[in-house]
Amino acid sequence: MKGNWRVRLAEQAELDLLSITIWTMENFGAQQAQKYTETISLALEALQDGSEILGATTQEDIGPGIRTLHVARHGRKGRHFLVFRTAPEQTIDVLRLLHDSMDLTRHVSPSQDI
């Protein structure tokens, strides 16, 4: 069902988002931090359509059921991935928000709790 998925952020994903926002503000200013937070929010909202949305990629090398979605979408620039997996009851658990230059396998535990 499109648009009916619940998206929830793991504690580590929330910390990642806070860290990204602070870093962006310190390096590029408050206005850019707000724009980039909006870009990430739009990517999170896109997950409400389910894990099979355009651009989502399976990452079995990280763990079973792990997928990524780049935040750069619809003309917006970004350098981060949402790392997520599906959970029961049409829920998507976002485990991490990681920079696309990072080795994802080092920073994501497939057994990570939400």
PDB file of N, CA and C in Angstrom:
ATOM      1  N   MET A   1       0.841  -1.194   0.000  1.00  0.00           N
ATOM      2  CA  MET A   1       0.000   0.000   0.000  1.00  0.00           C
ATOM      3  C   MET A   1       0.873   1.239   0.000  1.00  0.00           C
ATOM      4  N   LYS A   2       0.658   2.081  -0.939  1.00  0.00           N
ATOM      5  CA  LYS A   2       1.435   3.306  -1.051  1.00  0.00           C
ATOM      6  C   LYS A   2       1.006   4.345  -0.022  1.00  0.00           C
ATOM      7  N   GLY A   3       2.000   4.992   0.575  1.00  0.00           N
ATOM      8  CA  GLY A   3       1.718   6.099   1.475  1.00  0.00           C
ATOM      9  C   GLY A   3       1.224   5.712   2.849  1.00  0.00           C
ATOM     10  N   ASN A   4       1.214   4.437   3.135  1.00  0.00           N
ATOM     11  CA  ASN A   4       0.681   4.007   4.423  1.00  0.00           C
ATOM     12  C   ASN A   4       1.739   3.420   5.345  1.00  0.00           C
ATOM     13  N   TRP A   5       2.985   3.574   5.010  1.00  0.00           N
ATOM     14  CA  TRP A   5       4.044   3.028   5.840  1.00  0.00           C
ATOM     15  C   TRP A   5       4.398   4.018   6.948  1.00  0.00           C
ATOM     16  N   ARG A   6       4.656   3.497   8.123  1.00  0.00           N
ATOM     17  CA  ARG A   6       5.117   4.304   9.249  1.00  0.00           C
ATOM     18  C   ARG A   6       6.639   4.287   9.245  1.00  0.00           C
ATOM     19  N   VAL A   7       7.262   5.432   9.400  1.00  0.00           N
ATOM     20  CA  VAL A   7       8.717   5.546   9.414  1.00  0.00           C
ATOM     21  C   VAL A   7       9.140   5.970  10.813  1.00  0.00           C
ATOM     22  N   ARG A   8      10.048   5.193  11.385  1.00  0.00           N
ATOM     23  CA  ARG A   8      10.551   5.574  12.713  1.00  0.00           C
ATOM     24  C   ARG A   8      12.074   5.548  12.702  1.00  0.00           C
ATOM     25  N   LEU A   9      12.657   6.467  13.442  1.00  0.00           N
ATOM     26  CA  LEU A   9      14.103   6.598  13.508  1.00  0.00           C
ATOM     27  C   LEU A   9      14.637   5.932  14.763  1.00  0.00           C
ATOM     28  N   ALA A  10      15.682   5.133  14.575  1.00  0.00           N
ATOM     29  CA  ALA A  10      16.402   4.572  15.710  1.00  0.00           C
ATOM     30  C   ALA A  10      17.077   5.718  16.457  1.00  0.00           C
ATOM     31  N   GLU A  11      17.401   5.480  17.705  1.00  0.00           N
ATOM     32  CA  GLU A  11      18.077   6.511  18.488  1.00  0.00           C
ATOM     33  C   GLU A  11      19.356   6.976  17.793  1.00  0.00           C
ATOM     34  N   GLN A  12      20.108   6.033  17.213  1.00  0.00           N
ATOM     35  CA  GLN A  12      21.348   6.402  16.528  1.00  0.00           C
ATOM     36  C   GLN A  12      21.061   7.267  15.304  1.00  0.00           C
ATOM     37  N   ALA A  13      19.980   6.993  14.589  1.00  0.00           N
ATOM     38  CA  ALA A  13      19.604   7.811  13.424  1.00  0.00           C
ATOM     39  C   ALA A  13      19.246   9.230  13.864  1.00  0.00           C
ATOM     40  N   GLU A  14      18.559   9.361  14.991  1.00  0.00           N
ATOM     41  CA  GLU A  14      18.239  10.691  15.514  1.00  0.00           C
ATOM     42  C   GLU A  14      19.518  11.447  15.869  1.00  0.00           C
ATOM     43  N   LEU A  15      20.473  10.740  16.480  1.00  0.00           N
ATOM     44  CA  LEU A  15      21.760  11.369  16.808  1.00  0.00           C
ATOM     45  C   LEU A  15      22.518  11.757  15.542  1.00  0.00           C
ATOM     46  N   ASP A  16      22.453  10.901  14.517  1.00  0.00           N
ATOM     47  CA  ASP A  16      23.084  11.234  13.232  1.00  0.00           C
ATOM     48  C   ASP A  16      22.492  12.509  12.656  1.00  0.00           C
ATOM     49  N   LEU A  17      21.166  12.614  12.676  1.00  0.00           N
ATOM     50  CA  LEU A  17      20.496  13.793  12.131  1.00  0.00           C
ATOM     51  C   LEU A  17      20.904  15.052  12.891  1.00  0.00           C
ATOM     52  N   LEU A  18      20.956  14.973  14.194  1.00  0.00           N
ATOM     53  CA  LEU A  18      21.382  16.111  15.004  1.00  0.00           C
ATOM     54  C   LEU A  18      22.822  16.504  14.671  1.00  0.00           C
ATOM     55  N   SER A  19      23.689  15.517  14.570  1.00  0.00           N
ATOM     56  CA  SER A  19      25.095  15.767  14.251  1.00  0.00           C
ATOM     57  C   SER A  19      25.253  16.403  12.865  1.00  0.00           C
ATOM     58  N   ILE A  20      24.519  15.906  11.886  1.00  0.00           N
ATOM     59  CA  ILE A  20      24.561  16.457  10.524  1.00  0.00           C
ATOM     60  C   ILE A  20      24.098  17.914  10.532  1.00  0.00           C
ATOM     61  N   THR A  21      23.025  18.179  11.260  1.00  0.00           N
ATOM     62  CA  THR A  21      22.473  19.533  11.318  1.00  0.00           C
ATOM     63  C   THR A  21      23.463  20.490  11.969  1.00  0.00           C
ATOM     64  N   ILE A  22      24.056  20.090  13.083  1.00  0.00           N
ATOM     65  CA  ILE A  22      25.023  20.943  13.781  1.00  0.00           C
ATOM     66  C   ILE A  22      26.243  21.198  12.903  1.00  0.00           C
ATOM     67  N   TRP A  23      26.774  20.133  12.287  1.00  0.00           N
ATOM     68  CA  TRP A  23      27.952  20.275  11.431  1.00  0.00           C
ATOM     69  C   TRP A  23      27.654  21.220  10.268  1.00  0.00           C
ATOM     70  N   THR A  24      26.507  21.059   9.641  1.00  0.00           N
ATOM     71  CA  THR A  24      26.138  21.910   8.511  1.00  0.00           C
ATOM     72  C   THR A  24      25.995  23.360   8.951  1.00  0.00           C
ATOM     73  N   MET A  25      25.387  23.582  10.105  1.00  0.00           N
ATOM     74  CA  MET A  25      25.226  24.948  10.605  1.00  0.00           C
ATOM     75  C   MET A  25      26.585  25.582  10.892  1.00  0.00           C
ATOM     76  N   GLU A  26      27.465  24.832  11.527  1.00  0.00           N
ATOM     77  CA  GLU A  26      28.780  25.376  11.866  1.00  0.00           C
ATOM     78  C   GLU A  26      29.624  25.669  10.629  1.00  0.00           C
ATOM     79  N   ASN A  27      29.445  24.885   9.580  1.00  0.00           N
ATOM     80  CA  ASN A  27      30.292  25.028   8.394  1.00  0.00           C
ATOM     81  C   ASN A  27      29.663  25.833   7.268  1.00  0.00           C
ATOM     82  N   PHE A  28      28.320  25.880   7.216  1.00  0.00           N
ATOM     83  CA  PHE A  28      27.651  26.540   6.096  1.00  0.00           C
ATOM     84  C   PHE A  28      26.544  27.510   6.509  1.00  0.00           C
ATOM     85  N   GLY A  29      26.272  27.613   7.792  1.00  0.00           N
ATOM     86  CA  GLY A  29      25.284  28.565   8.266  1.00  0.00           C
ATOM     87  C   GLY A  29      23.913  27.957   8.516  1.00  0.00           C
ATOM     88  N   ALA A  30      23.115  28.710   9.249  1.00  0.00           N
ATOM     89  CA  ALA A  30      21.797  28.242   9.678  1.00  0.00           C
ATOM     90  C   ALA A  30      20.847  28.013   8.501  1.00  0.00           C
ATOM     91  N   GLN A  31      20.891  28.882   7.506  1.00  0.00           N
ATOM     92  CA  GLN A  31      19.984  28.740   6.373  1.00  0.00           C
ATOM     93  C   GLN A  31      20.266  27.441   5.611  1.00  0.00           C
ATOM     94  N   GLN A  32      21.535  27.135   5.379  1.00  0.00           N
ATOM     95  CA  GLN A  32      21.883  25.904   4.674  1.00  0.00           C
ATOM     96  C   GLN A  32      21.538  24.684   5.530  1.00  0.00           C
ATOM     97  N   ALA A  33      21.729  24.784   6.831  1.00  0.00           N
ATOM     98  CA  ALA A  33      21.372  23.676   7.718  1.00  0.00           C
ATOM     99  C   ALA A  33      19.878  23.394   7.643  1.00  0.00           C
ATOM    100  N   GLN A  34      19.069  24.443   7.586  1.00  0.00           N
ATOM    101  CA  GLN A  34      17.627  24.268   7.469  1.00  0.00           C
ATOM    102  C   GLN A  34      17.275  23.604   6.135  1.00  0.00           C
ATOM    103  N   LYS A  35      17.898  24.061   5.049  1.00  0.00           N
ATOM    104  CA  LYS A  35      17.629  23.481   3.726  1.00  0.00           C
ATOM    105  C   LYS A  35      18.008  22.006   3.692  1.00  0.00           C
ATOM    106  N   TYR A  36      19.147  21.669   4.276  1.00  0.00           N
ATOM    107  CA  TYR A  36      19.599  20.278   4.230  1.00  0.00           C
ATOM    108  C   TYR A  36      18.729  19.390   5.120  1.00  0.00           C
ATOM    109  N   THR A  37      18.299  19.919   6.240  1.00  0.00           N
ATOM    110  CA  THR A  37      17.377  19.169   7.098  1.00  0.00           C
ATOM    111  C   THR A  37      16.069  18.913   6.360  1.00  0.00           C
ATOM    112  N   GLU A  38      15.607  19.884   5.576  1.00  0.00           N
ATOM    113  CA  GLU A  38      14.403  19.692   4.756  1.00  0.00           C
ATOM    114  C   GLU A  38      14.627  18.603   3.707  1.00  0.00           C
ATOM    115  N   THR A  39      15.810  18.583   3.117  1.00  0.00           N
ATOM    116  CA  THR A  39      16.138  17.553   2.118  1.00  0.00           C
ATOM    117  C   THR A  39      16.077  16.171   2.750  1.00  0.00           C
ATOM    118  N   ILE A  40      16.656  16.031   3.923  1.00  0.00           N
ATOM    119  CA  ILE A  40      16.620  14.748   4.633  1.00  0.00           C
ATOM    120  C   ILE A  40      15.184  14.399   4.999  1.00  0.00           C
ATOM    121  N   SER A  41      14.421  15.380   5.450  1.00  0.00           N
ATOM    122  CA  SER A  41      13.016  15.136   5.808  1.00  0.00           C
ATOM    123  C   SER A  41      12.205  14.653   4.612  1.00  0.00           C
ATOM    124  N   LEU A  42      12.465  15.215   3.433  1.00  0.00           N
ATOM    125  CA  LEU A  42      11.759  14.775   2.228  1.00  0.00           C
ATOM    126  C   LEU A  42      12.090  13.321   1.896  1.00  0.00           C
ATOM    127  N   ALA A  43      13.338  12.934   2.087  1.00  0.00           N
ATOM    128  CA  ALA A  43      13.721  11.537   1.850  1.00  0.00           C
ATOM    129  C   ALA A  43      13.030  10.617   2.864  1.00  0.00           C
ATOM    130  N   LEU A  44      12.956  11.055   4.112  1.00  0.00           N
ATOM    131  CA  LEU A  44      12.247  10.262   5.128  1.00  0.00           C
ATOM    132  C   LEU A  44      10.766  10.138   4.789  1.00  0.00           C
ATOM    133  N   GLU A  45      10.166  11.217   4.333  1.00  0.00           N
ATOM    134  CA  GLU A  45       8.764  11.190   3.934  1.00  0.00           C
ATOM    135  C   GLU A  45       8.543  10.245   2.758  1.00  0.00           C
ATOM    136  N   ALA A  46       9.512  10.180   1.851  1.00  0.00           N
ATOM    137  CA  ALA A  46       9.390   9.297   0.689  1.00  0.00           C
ATOM    138  C   ALA A  46       9.278   7.838   1.123  1.00  0.00           C
ATOM    139  N   LEU A  47       9.881   7.501   2.255  1.00  0.00           N
ATOM    140  CA  LEU A  47       9.804   6.124   2.753  1.00  0.00           C
ATOM    141  C   LEU A  47       8.387   5.737   3.177  1.00  0.00           C
ATOM    142  N   GLN A  48       7.512   6.699   3.334  1.00  0.00           N
ATOM    143  CA  GLN A  48       6.119   6.384   3.669  1.00  0.00           C
ATOM    144  C   GLN A  48       5.435   5.618   2.545  1.00  0.00           C
ATOM    145  N   ASP A  49       6.052   5.621   1.362  1.00  0.00           N
ATOM    146  CA  ASP A  49       5.524   4.855   0.233  1.00  0.00           C
ATOM    147  C   ASP A  49       6.037   3.414   0.238  1.00  0.00           C
ATOM    148  N   GLY A  50       6.866   3.056   1.201  1.00  0.00           N
ATOM    149  CA  GLY A  50       7.363   1.688   1.321  1.00  0.00           C
ATOM    150  C   GLY A  50       8.817   1.558   0.931  1.00  0.00           C
ATOM    151  N   SER A  51       9.370   0.402   1.210  1.00  0.00           N
ATOM    152  CA  SER A  51      10.802   0.180   1.016  1.00  0.00           C
ATOM    153  C   SER A  51      11.190  -0.032  -0.443  1.00  0.00           C
ATOM    154  N   GLU A  52      10.232  -0.258  -1.308  1.00  0.00           N
ATOM    155  CA  GLU A  52      10.522  -0.525  -2.720  1.00  0.00           C
ATOM    156  C   GLU A  52      10.469   0.733  -3.585  1.00  0.00           C
ATOM    157  N   ILE A  53      10.577   1.902  -2.975  1.00  0.00           N
ATOM    158  CA  ILE A  53      10.488   3.145  -3.737  1.00  0.00           C
ATOM    159  C   ILE A  53      11.688   3.302  -4.659  1.00  0.00           C
ATOM    160  N   LEU A  54      11.520   4.098  -5.679  1.00  0.00           N
ATOM    161  CA  LEU A  54      12.572   4.360  -6.647  1.00  0.00           C
ATOM    162  C   LEU A  54      13.807   4.898  -5.937  1.00  0.00           C
ATOM    163  N   GLY A  55      14.937   4.289  -6.212  1.00  0.00           N
ATOM    164  CA  GLY A  55      16.197   4.735  -5.630  1.00  0.00           C
ATOM    165  C   GLY A  55      16.642   3.930  -4.429  1.00  0.00           C
ATOM    166  N   ALA A  56      15.742   3.160  -3.826  1.00  0.00           N
ATOM    167  CA  ALA A  56      16.125   2.327  -2.678  1.00  0.00           C
ATOM    168  C   ALA A  56      16.927   1.135  -3.192  1.00  0.00           C
ATOM    169  N   THR A  57      18.023   0.844  -2.515  1.00  0.00           N
ATOM    170  CA  THR A  57      18.938  -0.203  -2.940  1.00  0.00           C
ATOM    171  C   THR A  57      19.128  -1.226  -1.829  1.00  0.00           C
ATOM    172  N   THR A  58      19.074  -2.490  -2.186  1.00  0.00           N
ATOM    173  CA  THR A  58      19.328  -3.573  -1.234  1.00  0.00           C
ATOM    174  C   THR A  58      20.812  -3.597  -0.888  1.00  0.00           C
ATOM    175  N   GLN A  59      21.108  -3.792   0.387  1.00  0.00           N
ATOM    176  CA  GLN A  59      22.496  -3.824   0.867  1.00  0.00           C
ATOM    177  C   GLN A  59      22.735  -5.104   1.663  1.00  0.00           C
ATOM    178  N   GLU A  60      22.595  -6.232   1.006  1.00  0.00           N
ATOM    179  CA  GLU A  60      22.748  -7.529   1.677  1.00  0.00           C
ATOM    180  C   GLU A  60      24.145  -7.721   2.261  1.00  0.00           C
ATOM    181  N   ASP A  61      25.159  -6.994   1.744  1.00  0.00           N
ATOM    182  CA  ASP A  61      26.507  -7.110   2.303  1.00  0.00           C
ATOM    183  C   ASP A  61      26.567  -6.554   3.731  1.00  0.00           C
ATOM    184  N   ILE A  62      25.636  -5.678   4.076  1.00  0.00           N
ATOM    185  CA  ILE A  62      25.562  -5.145   5.438  1.00  0.00           C
ATOM    186  C   ILE A  62      24.780  -6.107   6.329  1.00  0.00           C
ATOM    187  N   GLY A  63      23.683  -6.632   5.795  1.00  0.00           N
ATOM    188  CA  GLY A  63      22.864  -7.566   6.554  1.00  0.00           C
ATOM    189  C   GLY A  63      21.565  -7.836   5.826  1.00  0.00           C
ATOM    190  N   PRO A  64      20.886  -8.906   6.207  1.00  0.00           N
ATOM    191  CA  PRO A  64      19.626  -9.247   5.545  1.00  0.00           C
ATOM    192  C   PRO A  64      18.579  -8.156   5.740  1.00  0.00           C
ATOM    193  N   GLY A  65      17.956  -7.775   4.630  1.00  0.00           N
ATOM    194  CA  GLY A  65      16.877  -6.802   4.690  1.00  0.00           C
ATOM    195  C   GLY A  65      17.314  -5.351   4.799  1.00  0.00           C
ATOM    196  N   ILE A  66      18.620  -5.093   4.822  1.00  0.00           N
ATOM    197  CA  ILE A  66      19.107  -3.717   4.933  1.00  0.00           C
ATOM    198  C   ILE A  66      19.051  -3.070   3.551  1.00  0.00           C
ATOM    199  N   ARG A  67      18.546  -1.838   3.512  1.00  0.00           N
ATOM    200  CA  ARG A  67      18.428  -1.077   2.265  1.00  0.00           C
ATOM    201  C   ARG A  67      18.931   0.340   2.523  1.00  0.00           C
ATOM    202  N   THR A  68      19.251   1.036   1.446  1.00  0.00           N
ATOM    203  CA  THR A  68      19.658   2.437   1.550  1.00  0.00           C
ATOM    204  C   THR A  68      18.857   3.280   0.563  1.00  0.00           C
ATOM    205  N   LEU A  69      18.738   4.541   0.905  1.00  0.00           N
ATOM    206  CA  LEU A  69      18.128   5.522   0.027  1.00  0.00           C
ATOM    207  C   LEU A  69      18.948   6.798   0.140  1.00  0.00           C
ATOM    208  N   HIS A  70      19.449   7.272  -0.989  1.00  0.00           N
ATOM    209  CA  HIS A  70      20.225   8.518  -0.984  1.00  0.00           C
ATOM    210  C   HIS A  70      19.255   9.678  -0.781  1.00  0.00           C
ATOM    211  N   VAL A  71      19.651  10.673   0.020  1.00  0.00           N
ATOM    212  CA  VAL A  71      18.762  11.806   0.290  1.00  0.00           C
ATOM    213  C   VAL A  71      18.674  12.765  -0.888  1.00  0.00           C
ATOM    214  N   ALA A  72      19.639  12.698  -1.806  1.00  0.00           N
ATOM    215  CA  ALA A  72      19.610  13.567  -2.988  1.00  0.00           C
ATOM    216  C   ALA A  72      18.502  13.077  -3.908  1.00  0.00           C
ATOM    217  N   ARG A  73      17.399  13.801  -3.939  1.00  0.00           N
ATOM    218  CA  ARG A  73      16.230  13.393  -4.710  1.00  0.00           C
ATOM    219  C   ARG A  73      15.526  14.634  -5.241  1.00  0.00           C
ATOM    220  N   HIS A  74      14.882  14.489  -6.369  1.00  0.00           N
ATOM    221  CA  HIS A  74      14.035  15.546  -6.933  1.00  0.00           C
ATOM    222  C   HIS A  74      14.760  16.881  -7.045  1.00  0.00           C
ATOM    223  N   GLY A  75      16.000  16.840  -7.536  1.00  0.00           N
ATOM    224  CA  GLY A  75      16.757  18.062  -7.758  1.00  0.00           C
ATOM    225  C   GLY A  75      17.446  18.618  -6.531  1.00  0.00           C
ATOM    226  N   ARG A  76      17.247  17.994  -5.388  1.00  0.00           N
ATOM    227  CA  ARG A  76      17.920  18.460  -4.172  1.00  0.00           C
ATOM    228  C   ARG A  76      19.245  17.715  -4.029  1.00  0.00           C
ATOM    229  N   LYS A  77      20.263  18.443  -3.632  1.00  0.00           N
ATOM    230  CA  LYS A  77      21.575  17.837  -3.456  1.00  0.00           C
ATOM    231  C   LYS A  77      21.720  17.322  -2.032  1.00  0.00           C
ATOM    232  N   GLY A  78      22.518  16.281  -1.886  1.00  0.00           N
ATOM    233  CA  GLY A  78      22.779  15.731  -0.565  1.00  0.00           C
ATOM    234  C   GLY A  78      23.854  14.684  -0.651  1.00  0.00           C
ATOM    235  N   ARG A  79      24.496  14.407   0.461  1.00  0.00           N
ATOM    236  CA  ARG A  79      25.591  13.452   0.485  1.00  0.00           C
ATOM    237  C   ARG A  79      25.381  12.364   1.530  1.00  0.00           C
ATOM    238  N   HIS A  80      24.143  12.115   1.916  1.00  0.00           N
ATOM    239  CA  HIS A  80      23.877  11.115   2.949  1.00  0.00           C
ATOM    240  C   HIS A  80      22.913  10.037   2.463  1.00  0.00           C
ATOM    241  N   PHE A  81      23.040   8.886   3.094  1.00  0.00           N
ATOM    242  CA  PHE A  81      22.131   7.763   2.881  1.00  0.00           C
ATOM    243  C   PHE A  81      21.256   7.580   4.106  1.00  0.00           C
ATOM    244  N   LEU A  82      19.990   7.225   3.878  1.00  0.00           N
ATOM    245  CA  LEU A  82      19.163   6.666   4.932  1.00  0.00           C
ATOM    246  C   LEU A  82      19.418   5.172   4.875  1.00  0.00           C
ATOM    247  N   VAL A  83      19.787   4.581   5.978  1.00  0.00           N
ATOM    248  CA  VAL A  83      19.995   3.133   6.061  1.00  0.00           C
ATOM    249  C   VAL A  83      18.812   2.583   6.835  1.00  0.00           C
ATOM    250  N   PHE A  84      18.058   1.665   6.217  1.00  0.00           N
ATOM    251  CA  PHE A  84      16.805   1.238   6.824  1.00  0.00           C
ATOM    252  C   PHE A  84      16.495  -0.228   6.561  1.00  0.00           C
ATOM    253  N   ARG A  85      15.478  -0.705   7.242  1.00  0.00           N
ATOM    254  CA  ARG A  85      14.939  -2.047   7.017  1.00  0.00           C
ATOM    255  C   ARG A  85      13.454  -2.014   7.319  1.00  0.00           C
ATOM    256  N   THR A  86      12.734  -2.957   6.774  1.00  0.00           N
ATOM    257  CA  THR A  86      11.309  -3.042   7.076  1.00  0.00           C
ATOM    258  C   THR A  86      11.110  -3.784   8.383  1.00  0.00           C
ATOM    259  N   ALA A  87      10.023  -3.473   9.042  1.00  0.00           N
ATOM    260  CA  ALA A  87       9.639  -4.108  10.300  1.00  0.00           C
ATOM    261  C   ALA A  87       8.168  -4.510  10.177  1.00  0.00           C
ATOM    262  N   PRO A  88       7.668  -5.278  11.126  1.00  0.00           N
ATOM    263  CA  PRO A  88       6.257  -5.680  11.059  1.00  0.00           C
ATOM    264  C   PRO A  88       5.301  -4.488  11.034  1.00  0.00           C
ATOM    265  N   GLU A  89       4.099  -4.759  10.590  1.00  0.00           N
ATOM    266  CA  GLU A  89       3.002  -3.784  10.577  1.00  0.00           C
ATOM    267  C   GLU A  89       3.308  -2.555   9.733  1.00  0.00           C
ATOM    268  N   GLN A  90       3.830  -2.802   8.527  1.00  0.00           N
ATOM    269  CA  GLN A  90       4.122  -1.731   7.558  1.00  0.00           C
ATOM    270  C   GLN A  90       4.909  -0.593   8.182  1.00  0.00           C
ATOM    271  N   THR A  91       6.011  -0.964   8.805  1.00  0.00           N
ATOM    272  CA  THR A  91       6.892   0.003   9.450  1.00  0.00           C
ATOM    273  C   THR A  91       8.266  -0.068   8.814  1.00  0.00           C
ATOM    274  N   ILE A  92       8.885   1.071   8.646  1.00  0.00           N
ATOM    275  CA  ILE A  92      10.265   1.155   8.188  1.00  0.00           C
ATOM    276  C   ILE A  92      11.084   1.753   9.314  1.00  0.00           C
ATOM    277  N   ASP A  93      12.123   1.024   9.694  1.00  0.00           N
ATOM    278  CA  ASP A  93      13.043   1.477  10.731  1.00  0.00           C
ATOM    279  C   ASP A  93      14.280   2.072  10.075  1.00  0.00           C
ATOM    280  N   VAL A  94      14.506   3.352  10.289  1.00  0.00           N
ATOM    281  CA  VAL A  94      15.716   4.015   9.799  1.00  0.00           C
ATOM    282  C   VAL A  94      16.768   3.831  10.888  1.00  0.00           C
ATOM    283  N   LEU A  95      17.814   3.090  10.544  1.00  0.00           N
ATOM    284  CA  LEU A  95      18.839   2.743  11.517  1.00  0.00           C
ATOM    285  C   LEU A  95      19.915   3.813  11.639  1.00  0.00           C
ATOM    286  N   ARG A  96      20.317   4.388  10.499  1.00  0.00           N
ATOM    287  CA  ARG A  96      21.390   5.380  10.482  1.00  0.00           C
ATOM    288  C   ARG A  96      21.170   6.377   9.356  1.00  0.00           C
ATOM    289  N   LEU A  97      21.782   7.549   9.455  1.00  0.00           N
ATOM    290  CA  LEU A  97      21.922   8.526   8.375  1.00  0.00           C
ATOM    291  C   LEU A  97      23.421   8.722   8.232  1.00  0.00           C
ATOM    292  N   LEU A  98      23.983   8.207   7.140  1.00  0.00           N
ATOM    293  CA  LEU A  98      25.437   8.183   6.989  1.00  0.00           C
ATOM    294  C   LEU A  98      25.872   8.878   5.713  1.00  0.00           C
ATOM    295  N   HIS A  99      27.018   9.538   5.781  1.00  0.00           N
ATOM    296  CA  HIS A  99      27.590  10.216   4.618  1.00  0.00           C
ATOM    297  C   HIS A  99      27.929   9.181   3.558  1.00  0.00           C
ATOM    298  N   ASP A 100      27.728   9.538   2.296  1.00  0.00           N
ATOM    299  CA  ASP A 100      27.929   8.566   1.225  1.00  0.00           C
ATOM    300  C   ASP A 100      29.390   8.195   0.988  1.00  0.00           C
ATOM    301  N   SER A 101      30.323   8.857   1.640  1.00  0.00           N
ATOM    302  CA  SER A 101      31.730   8.474   1.530  1.00  0.00           C
ATOM    303  C   SER A 101      32.142   7.470   2.608  1.00  0.00           C
ATOM    304  N   MET A 102      31.239   7.187   3.539  1.00  0.00           N
ATOM    305  CA  MET A 102      31.555   6.275   4.638  1.00  0.00           C
ATOM    306  C   MET A 102      31.418   4.821   4.211  1.00  0.00           C
ATOM    307  N   ASP A 103      32.174   3.967   4.864  1.00  0.00           N
ATOM    308  CA  ASP A 103      32.045   2.529   4.683  1.00  0.00           C
ATOM    309  C   ASP A 103      30.838   2.090   5.513  1.00  0.00           C
ATOM    310  N   LEU A 104      29.726   1.884   4.846  1.00  0.00           N
ATOM    311  CA  LEU A 104      28.474   1.591   5.558  1.00  0.00           C
ATOM    312  C   LEU A 104      28.576   0.345   6.424  1.00  0.00           C
ATOM    313  N   THR A 105      29.313  -0.655   5.959  1.00  0.00           N
ATOM    314  CA  THR A 105      29.409  -1.902   6.728  1.00  0.00           C
ATOM    315  C   THR A 105      30.082  -1.690   8.082  1.00  0.00           C
ATOM    316  N   ARG A 106      30.904  -0.680   8.196  1.00  0.00           N
ATOM    317  CA  ARG A 106      31.567  -0.381   9.480  1.00  0.00           C
ATOM    318  C   ARG A 106      30.645   0.322  10.456  1.00  0.00           C
ATOM    319  N   HIS A 107      29.607   0.965   9.953  1.00  0.00           N
ATOM    320  CA  HIS A 107      28.785   1.834  10.800  1.00  0.00           C
ATOM    321  C   HIS A 107      27.370   1.335  11.021  1.00  0.00           C
ATOM    322  N   VAL A 108      27.033   0.203  10.441  1.00  0.00           N
ATOM    323  CA  VAL A 108      25.681  -0.327  10.580  1.00  0.00           C
ATOM    324  C   VAL A 108      25.760  -1.755  11.101  1.00  0.00           C
ATOM    325  N   SER A 109      25.018  -1.989  12.155  1.00  0.00           N
ATOM    326  CA  SER A 109      24.908  -3.348  12.680  1.00  0.00           C
ATOM    327  C   SER A 109      23.543  -3.894  12.275  1.00  0.00           C
ATOM    328  N   PRO A 110      23.496  -5.025  11.533  1.00  0.00           N
ATOM    329  CA  PRO A 110      22.209  -5.549  11.104  1.00  0.00           C
ATOM    330  C   PRO A 110      21.313  -5.959  12.266  1.00  0.00           C
ATOM    331  N   SER A 111      21.911  -6.165  13.424  1.00  0.00           N
ATOM    332  CA  SER A 111      21.103  -6.548  14.585  1.00  0.00           C
ATOM    333  C   SER A 111      20.742  -5.351  15.452  1.00  0.00           C
ATOM    334  N   GLN A 112      21.020  -4.163  14.955  1.00  0.00           N
ATOM    335  CA  GLN A 112      20.745  -2.931  15.704  1.00  0.00           C
ATOM    336  C   GLN A 112      19.261  -2.823  16.045  1.00  0.00           C
ATOM    337  N   ASP A 113      19.007  -2.480  17.288  1.00  0.00           N
ATOM    338  CA  ASP A 113      17.630  -2.273  17.728  1.00  0.00           C
ATOM    339  C   ASP A 113      17.186  -0.860  17.384  1.00  0.00           C
ATOM    340  N   ILE A 114      15.884  -0.719  17.253  1.00  0.00           N
ATOM    341  CA  ILE A 114      15.300   0.581  16.998  1.00  0.00           C
ATOM    342  C   ILE A 114      15.097   1.241  18.330  1.00  0.00           C
TER     343      ILE A 114
END
